[in-house]
């Protein structure tokens, strides 16, 4: 008689996949294996324990094998699962958008602090991508309304889908555009995570980023500051009287951004550091002399 085929178990699959990913030099092989097995089995990864004898169907094993091969090819886990958690919420992710990162959560915290004094803040998110910054702020501040702008129509489709999934479509609108071009309104808060990686550094990024994330959302020009030179001079004329702009930036760029802000008539009122203690965000307002020069225009809708 033919020998019966032993059914795969959660424990065996996790052990084998973890070894494969570790041998490939990936940073978090056990976590990646659990997340991808959860995707294959359509269950919470936290319920999949090492050593578990829980059986796994042949179709689930096949799906898991395909996912592991994708990870070995250095596709980001978020692209394989189709989502990424950010500030406690799940966002759809595709290769058309930058993967939301935990570092950006400190920028959200900074923005929320600045929004406390506004009863019904109007928010503008430039380079919205997944919409994670804008939609998180709207979810945390139920009276807020917002506009997300992106040059990529594919990215805007992802952001719109995330707004619907989070039931925020009535308070979030989206438009295609390049930074502040064509925008005439003023806002209580302008937030942005511009591309800030130096062009020459992109080739040294991890394959997950270099090969699978949109360079449009990564490349900040020769010194990583090209988007800030475009944005900063325009911010004062798009903020309401007490409006604030929050910008994320790269490691070591805070001094250059402070100089560009001063040249643009803006003053730094607060900063934010990420979980690694790295300066990651800056809050800006129009300097008093700029408000006076702009006169009655400042604060008009």
Protein backbone atom coordinates (compact mmCIF):
# COMPACT_ATOMS: atom_id res chain seq x y z
CA UNK A 1 0.00 0.00 0.00
CA UNK A 2 1.22 3.56 -0.73
CA UNK A 3 2.39 5.43 2.33
CA UNK A 4 -0.12 8.13 3.37
CA UNK A 5 1.08 11.68 2.89
CA UNK A 6 1.52 13.45 6.19
CA UNK A 7 -0.50 16.63 6.47
CA UNK A 8 1.49 19.80 7.02
CA UNK A 9 1.17 21.58 10.34
CA UNK A 10 1.51 25.21 11.35
CA UNK A 11 4.63 24.46 13.39
CA UNK A 12 6.44 22.63 10.60
CA UNK A 13 5.62 25.27 8.01
CA UNK A 14 6.76 28.09 10.27
CA UNK A 15 10.03 26.36 11.11
CA UNK A 16 10.85 25.56 7.50
CA UNK A 17 9.93 29.01 6.18
CA UNK A 18 11.82 30.75 8.99
CA UNK A 19 14.98 28.83 8.08
CA UNK A 20 14.59 29.76 4.41
CA UNK A 21 14.12 33.44 5.16
CA UNK A 22 16.95 33.51 7.68
CA UNK A 23 19.34 31.86 5.22
CA UNK A 24 18.36 34.53 2.68
CA UNK A 25 19.52 37.20 5.15
CA UNK A 26 16.13 38.73 5.95
CA UNK A 27 15.89 40.69 9.18
CA UNK A 28 12.71 39.26 10.73
CA UNK A 29 12.30 35.73 9.35
CA UNK A 30 10.02 34.36 12.09
CA UNK A 31 7.69 37.37 12.01
CA UNK A 32 7.54 37.41 8.22
CA UNK A 33 6.75 33.69 8.17
CA UNK A 34 3.89 34.09 10.67
CA UNK A 35 2.40 37.07 8.85
CA UNK A 36 2.52 35.31 5.50
CA UNK A 37 1.12 32.06 6.88
CA UNK A 38 -1.71 34.10 8.40
CA UNK A 39 -2.36 35.55 4.96
CA UNK A 40 -2.36 32.08 3.39
CA UNK A 41 -4.70 30.69 6.04
CA UNK A 42 -6.80 33.89 6.28
CA UNK A 43 -6.39 34.09 10.03
CA UNK A 44 -4.75 36.28 12.67
CA UNK A 45 -0.97 35.62 12.56
CA UNK A 46 -0.78 35.95 16.35
CA UNK A 47 -2.78 32.72 16.62
CA UNK A 48 -0.09 30.77 14.75
CA UNK A 49 2.30 29.48 17.39
CA UNK A 50 5.66 27.76 16.92
CA UNK A 51 5.33 24.03 17.42
CA UNK A 52 1.60 24.06 16.74
CA UNK A 53 0.20 20.79 15.40
CA UNK A 54 -2.74 22.57 13.77
CA UNK A 55 -3.20 21.07 10.30
CA UNK A 56 -2.88 23.18 7.17
CA UNK A 57 -4.78 22.29 3.99
CA UNK A 58 -2.96 21.61 0.73
CA UNK A 59 -4.37 24.76 -0.88
CA UNK A 60 -3.16 26.85 2.07
CA UNK A 61 0.27 25.24 1.86
CA UNK A 62 0.43 26.13 -1.83
CA UNK A 63 -0.56 29.77 -1.15
CA UNK A 64 2.02 29.97 1.62
CA UNK A 65 4.76 28.61 -0.64
CA UNK A 66 3.98 31.27 -3.24
CA UNK A 67 4.11 34.01 -0.61
CA UNK A 68 7.42 32.78 0.77
CA UNK A 69 8.90 32.73 -2.72
CA UNK A 70 7.77 36.33 -3.13
CA UNK A 71 9.45 37.28 0.14
CA UNK A 72 12.65 35.49 -0.87
CA UNK A 73 12.55 37.68 -3.99
CA UNK A 74 12.56 40.62 -1.54
CA UNK A 75 9.04 41.75 -2.21
CA UNK A 76 7.84 43.73 0.84
CA UNK A 77 5.55 41.85 3.21
CA UNK A 78 2.97 44.62 2.81
CA UNK A 79 2.86 44.03 -0.95
CA UNK A 80 2.37 40.31 -0.40
CA UNK A 81 -0.42 40.78 2.12
CA UNK A 82 -1.86 43.89 0.45
CA UNK A 83 -1.98 45.98 3.62
CA UNK A 84 0.07 47.66 6.34
CA UNK A 85 -0.90 48.82 9.82
CA UNK A 86 -0.34 52.49 10.61
CA UNK A 87 -1.36 54.23 13.82
CA UNK A 88 -3.59 51.29 14.74
CA UNK A 89 -5.44 51.16 11.43
CA UNK A 90 -5.05 48.99 8.36
CA UNK A 91 -4.21 50.59 5.02
CA UNK A 92 -4.26 48.99 1.60
CA UNK A 93 -0.79 49.05 0.05
CA UNK A 94 0.27 48.47 -3.56
CA UNK A 95 3.53 49.00 -5.48
CA UNK A 96 2.12 52.38 -6.53
CA UNK A 97 2.47 53.91 -3.07
CA UNK A 98 5.09 54.32 -0.38
CA UNK A 99 4.72 51.77 2.39
CA UNK A 100 3.49 53.56 5.56
CA UNK A 101 6.29 53.49 8.12
CA UNK A 102 6.26 53.66 11.92
CA UNK A 103 8.64 56.64 11.73
CA UNK A 104 5.81 58.73 10.28
CA UNK A 105 3.61 58.18 13.33
CA UNK A 106 5.58 60.83 15.24
CA UNK A 107 4.58 63.31 12.51
CA UNK A 108 0.94 62.39 13.09
CA UNK A 109 1.41 62.98 16.83
CA UNK A 110 2.92 66.39 16.12
CA UNK A 111 0.03 67.29 13.83
CA UNK A 112 -2.60 66.21 16.35
CA UNK A 113 -0.99 68.43 18.99
CA UNK A 114 -1.23 71.40 16.65
CA UNK A 115 -4.86 70.61 15.72
CA UNK A 116 -6.10 70.74 19.31
CA UNK A 117 -6.94 74.44 19.11
CA UNK A 118 -9.03 74.15 15.92
CA UNK A 119 -12.70 73.29 16.25
CA UNK A 120 -13.11 71.99 12.69
CA UNK A 121 -9.69 72.01 11.03
CA UNK A 122 -9.22 71.98 7.29
CA UNK A 123 -6.30 69.71 6.40
CA UNK A 124 -4.21 69.47 3.24
CA UNK A 125 -1.97 66.44 2.65
CA UNK A 126 0.59 66.90 -0.11
CA UNK A 127 1.89 63.72 -1.74
CA UNK A 128 -0.81 61.71 0.01
CA UNK A 129 0.16 58.22 -1.28
CA UNK A 130 -1.90 55.70 0.70
CA UNK A 131 -3.61 58.62 2.45
CA UNK A 132 -2.29 57.32 5.78
CA UNK A 133 -1.40 60.77 7.16
CA UNK A 134 -4.59 62.54 6.09
CA UNK A 135 -6.96 59.69 6.94
CA UNK A 136 -5.37 59.08 10.34
CA UNK A 137 -5.80 62.75 11.23
CA UNK A 138 -9.44 62.72 10.10
CA UNK A 139 -10.12 59.53 12.06
CA UNK A 140 -8.55 61.00 15.18
CA UNK A 141 -10.31 64.36 14.78
CA UNK A 142 -13.97 63.75 13.82
CA UNK A 143 -14.65 67.42 13.02
CA UNK A 144 -11.80 67.71 10.51
CA UNK A 145 -12.15 67.81 6.72
CA UNK A 146 -9.28 67.14 4.37
CA UNK A 147 -7.87 67.17 0.86
CA UNK A 148 -5.18 64.76 -0.32
CA UNK A 149 -3.10 65.69 -3.37
CA UNK A 150 -0.81 63.41 -5.35
CA UNK A 151 0.80 63.49 -8.77
CA UNK A 152 0.11 59.78 -9.27
CA UNK A 153 -3.41 58.75 -10.31
CA UNK A 154 -2.63 55.19 -9.20
CA UNK A 155 -1.72 56.43 -5.73
CA UNK A 156 -4.92 58.47 -5.55
CA UNK A 157 -6.94 55.34 -6.33
CA UNK A 158 -5.32 53.61 -3.34
CA UNK A 159 -5.98 56.61 -1.07
CA UNK A 160 -9.64 56.75 -2.12
CA UNK A 161 -10.03 53.04 -1.43
CA UNK A 162 -8.53 53.51 2.02
CA UNK A 163 -10.88 56.42 2.73
CA UNK A 164 -13.86 54.21 1.87
CA UNK A 165 -12.56 51.30 3.94
CA UNK A 166 -12.16 53.61 6.95
CA UNK A 167 -15.57 55.22 6.30
CA UNK A 168 -13.98 58.64 5.87
CA UNK A 169 -14.99 59.30 2.26
CA UNK A 170 -17.49 62.00 3.31
CA UNK A 171 -14.74 64.07 4.93
CA UNK A 172 -11.82 63.30 2.61
CA UNK A 173 -11.45 64.44 -0.98
CA UNK A 174 -8.59 63.85 -3.38
CA UNK A 175 -7.10 65.65 -6.35
CA UNK A 176 -4.31 65.07 -8.81
CA UNK A 177 -1.63 67.72 -8.77
CA UNK A 178 1.99 68.62 -8.15
CA UNK A 179 2.41 69.98 -4.64
CA UNK A 180 0.51 73.29 -4.23
CA UNK A 181 0.06 74.00 -7.92
CA UNK A 182 -3.51 75.08 -8.64
CA UNK A 183 -4.57 75.19 -4.98
CA UNK A 184 -6.05 78.52 -3.92
CA UNK A 185 -7.64 77.65 -0.55
CA UNK A 186 -6.03 78.19 2.85
CA UNK A 187 -5.80 75.49 5.47
CA UNK A 188 -5.49 75.12 9.21
CA UNK A 189 -2.97 72.34 8.71
CA UNK A 190 -0.76 71.34 5.80
CA UNK A 191 1.05 68.03 6.22
CA UNK A 192 3.48 66.29 3.92
CA UNK A 193 6.02 63.49 3.79
CA UNK A 194 8.00 64.60 0.73
CA UNK A 195 10.63 62.46 -0.99
CA UNK A 196 13.86 63.18 0.90
CA UNK A 197 16.36 60.51 -0.12
CA UNK A 198 19.31 61.78 -2.11
CA UNK A 199 19.25 60.50 -5.68
CA UNK A 200 22.67 58.91 -5.34
CA UNK A 201 21.65 57.01 -2.20
CA UNK A 202 18.71 55.15 -3.76
CA UNK A 203 20.94 52.43 -5.21
CA UNK A 204 22.07 51.59 -1.68
CA UNK A 205 18.57 51.10 -0.26
CA UNK A 206 17.25 47.67 0.69
CA UNK A 207 15.88 45.75 -2.32
CA UNK A 208 12.37 45.91 -0.80
CA UNK A 209 12.50 49.69 -1.17
CA UNK A 210 14.78 50.15 -4.17
CA UNK A 211 13.05 47.60 -6.39
CA UNK A 212 9.45 47.68 -5.20
CA UNK A 213 8.51 51.17 -4.02
CA UNK A 214 7.82 54.12 -6.34
CA UNK A 215 10.95 56.24 -6.89
CA UNK A 216 8.65 59.25 -7.31
CA UNK A 217 7.97 59.00 -3.57
CA UNK A 218 11.62 58.41 -2.64
CA UNK A 219 13.89 60.60 -4.76
CA UNK A 220 14.45 64.03 -3.22
CA UNK A 221 17.02 65.19 -5.73
CA UNK A 222 20.79 65.54 -5.47
CA UNK A 223 20.80 66.57 -1.81
CA UNK A 224 17.35 65.25 -0.85
CA UNK A 225 15.96 68.76 -0.38
CA UNK A 226 14.46 69.57 -3.80
CA UNK A 227 10.80 69.16 -2.66
CA UNK A 228 11.41 71.41 0.37
CA UNK A 229 12.77 74.18 -1.86
CA UNK A 230 9.51 73.99 -3.80
CA UNK A 231 7.16 73.69 -0.83
CA UNK A 232 8.52 75.99 1.85
CA UNK A 233 8.29 79.31 -0.09
CA UNK A 234 4.60 78.59 -0.87
CA UNK A 235 3.38 77.50 2.55
CA UNK A 236 2.74 80.92 4.10
CA UNK A 237 0.24 81.89 1.40
CA UNK A 238 -1.71 78.64 1.85
CA UNK A 239 -2.03 78.70 5.64
CA UNK A 240 -4.74 80.44 7.62
CA UNK A 241 -3.74 83.05 10.19
CA UNK A 242 -2.84 80.50 12.86
CA UNK A 243 -2.27 77.65 10.43
CA UNK A 244 0.57 75.18 10.83
CA UNK A 245 2.58 73.13 8.35
CA UNK A 246 4.03 69.77 9.40
CA UNK A 247 6.78 68.26 7.27
CA UNK A 248 8.54 64.94 7.66
CA UNK A 249 12.24 64.90 6.74
CA UNK A 250 15.23 62.62 6.63
CA UNK A 251 17.99 62.08 9.14
CA UNK A 252 20.38 65.02 9.37
CA UNK A 253 18.25 67.38 7.26
CA UNK A 254 16.84 69.48 10.10
CA UNK A 255 19.49 72.23 9.90
CA UNK A 256 19.07 72.72 6.16
CA UNK A 257 15.28 72.75 6.47
CA UNK A 258 15.46 75.31 9.28
CA UNK A 259 17.52 77.58 7.03
CA UNK A 260 15.14 77.13 4.10
CA UNK A 261 12.19 77.84 6.41
CA UNK A 262 13.75 81.07 7.67
CA UNK A 263 14.42 82.18 4.09
CA UNK A 264 10.74 81.46 3.33
CA UNK A 265 9.38 83.56 6.20
CA UNK A 266 8.51 80.60 8.40
CA UNK A 267 9.41 79.85 11.99
CA UNK A 268 9.82 76.46 13.62
CA UNK A 269 7.45 76.01 16.56
CA UNK A 270 7.94 72.32 17.35
CA UNK A 271 9.85 69.23 16.25
CA UNK A 272 9.30 65.47 16.48
CA UNK A 273 11.62 62.51 16.90
CA UNK A 274 10.88 58.97 15.79
CA UNK A 275 11.12 55.79 17.86
CA UNK A 276 14.87 55.69 17.24
CA UNK A 277 15.33 59.20 18.63
CA UNK A 278 16.04 60.65 15.17
CA UNK A 279 14.70 64.10 14.29
CA UNK A 280 11.93 63.29 11.83
CA UNK A 281 9.37 66.12 11.73
CA UNK A 282 9.03 69.87 12.01
CA UNK A 283 6.06 72.17 12.65
CA UNK A 284 6.14 75.58 10.96
CA UNK A 285 4.11 78.79 11.13
CA UNK A 286 4.35 82.06 9.28
CA UNK A 287 6.78 84.37 11.04
CA UNK A 288 5.15 87.51 12.54
CA UNK A 289 6.82 89.79 10.00
CA UNK A 290 5.37 87.72 7.14
CA UNK A 291 1.86 87.86 8.60
CA UNK A 292 2.13 91.63 8.85
CA UNK A 293 3.39 91.91 5.28
CA UNK A 294 0.56 89.75 3.94
CA UNK A 295 -1.95 91.86 5.82
CA UNK A 296 -5.65 91.03 5.46
CA UNK A 297 -4.96 88.18 3.05
CA UNK A 298 -3.79 85.99 5.94
CA UNK A 299 -6.62 83.97 7.38
CA UNK A 300 -9.09 84.44 4.57
CA UNK A 301 -10.76 81.23 3.40
